[in-house]
Amino acid sequence: MSYSQELKDKIPHGFGKIIAEKAGVNQCSVSKFLNGKTKSWKVENAVIEIIKELEAKRETILNPTKK
C-alpha cells in the first residue's frame, strides 16, 4: 500500500474540499495526491493536519473525562 493510500484511508469521504482549502490548492490536486498520481507537500501537510484534528476529536469523544 502506498503512503498516499494510507493517508487516504484515514480521512472520511468528502474531505477533499476541506483539504484543498487548507492547502490552498484545488480539489483535483487533492484527488491526484490521494490517488498517488502526484506529490505535493502542501497537500500532504494539509492531510496530516486534518488527520491529527480528527484523531483528537475522536479521542475526546471516546474518552471525555481524560485530560
Protein backbone atom coordinates (compact mmCIF):
# COMPACT_ATOMS: atom_id res chain seq x y z
CA MET A 1 0.00 0.00 0.00
CA SER A 2 1.36 3.41 -0.93
CA TYR A 3 1.88 6.26 1.51
CA SER A 4 -0.83 8.36 -0.13
CA GLN A 5 -3.25 5.41 0.07
CA GLU A 6 -2.52 5.04 3.79
CA LEU A 7 -3.35 8.72 4.31
CA LYS A 8 -6.46 8.42 2.14
CA ASP A 9 -7.74 5.54 4.28
CA LYS A 10 -7.55 7.73 7.41
CA ILE A 11 -9.77 10.55 6.18
CA PRO A 12 -13.53 10.42 5.72
CA HIS A 13 -15.09 10.58 2.28
CA GLY A 14 -15.83 14.13 1.23
CA PHE A 15 -12.89 15.83 2.95
CA GLY A 16 -11.25 16.77 -0.36
CA LYS A 17 -12.72 20.26 -0.29
CA ILE A 18 -11.57 20.90 3.26
CA ILE A 19 -8.07 19.64 2.47
CA ALA A 20 -7.94 21.75 -0.69
CA GLU A 21 -8.93 24.89 1.22
CA LYS A 22 -6.34 24.19 3.93
CA ALA A 23 -3.59 23.54 1.36
CA GLY A 24 -4.56 26.41 -0.94
CA VAL A 25 -5.00 24.14 -3.96
CA ASN A 26 -7.95 22.85 -5.96
CA GLN A 27 -9.82 19.62 -5.26
CA CYS A 28 -8.35 17.97 -8.34
CA SER A 29 -4.84 18.35 -6.87
CA VAL A 30 -6.01 16.71 -3.65
CA SER A 31 -7.60 13.85 -5.55
CA LYS A 32 -4.48 13.27 -7.62
CA PHE A 33 -2.32 13.24 -4.48
CA LEU A 34 -4.59 10.82 -2.62
CA ASN A 35 -4.68 8.53 -5.65
CA GLY A 36 -0.89 8.52 -5.88
CA LYS A 37 -0.70 10.30 -9.23
CA THR A 38 1.21 13.38 -8.00
CA LYS A 39 3.22 14.52 -5.00
CA SER A 40 2.54 17.75 -3.16
CA TRP A 41 3.99 18.82 0.16
CA LYS A 42 1.15 21.36 0.57
CA VAL A 43 -1.50 18.67 0.21
CA GLU A 44 0.46 16.17 2.30
CA ASN A 45 0.80 18.64 5.19
CA ALA A 46 -2.89 19.56 5.00
CA VAL A 47 -3.91 15.88 5.04
CA ILE A 48 -1.69 15.20 8.06
CA GLU A 49 -3.14 18.21 9.91
CA ILE A 50 -6.70 17.02 9.16
CA ILE A 51 -5.87 13.51 10.37
CA LYS A 52 -4.43 14.89 13.61
CA GLU A 53 -7.53 17.03 14.16
CA LEU A 54 -9.84 14.08 13.52
CA GLU A 55 -7.87 11.81 15.84
CA ALA A 56 -8.00 14.44 18.61
CA LYS A 57 -11.77 14.80 18.17
CA ARG A 58 -12.26 11.03 18.23
CA GLU A 59 -10.17 10.76 21.39
CA THR A 60 -12.23 13.49 23.06
CA ILE A 61 -15.49 11.78 22.12
CA LEU A 62 -14.35 8.30 23.17
CA ASN A 63 -12.67 9.46 26.39
CA PRO A 64 -14.42 12.63 27.53
CA THR A 65 -13.07 12.51 31.10
CA LYS A 66 -9.40 12.23 30.11
CA LYS A 67 -7.31 15.38 30.23
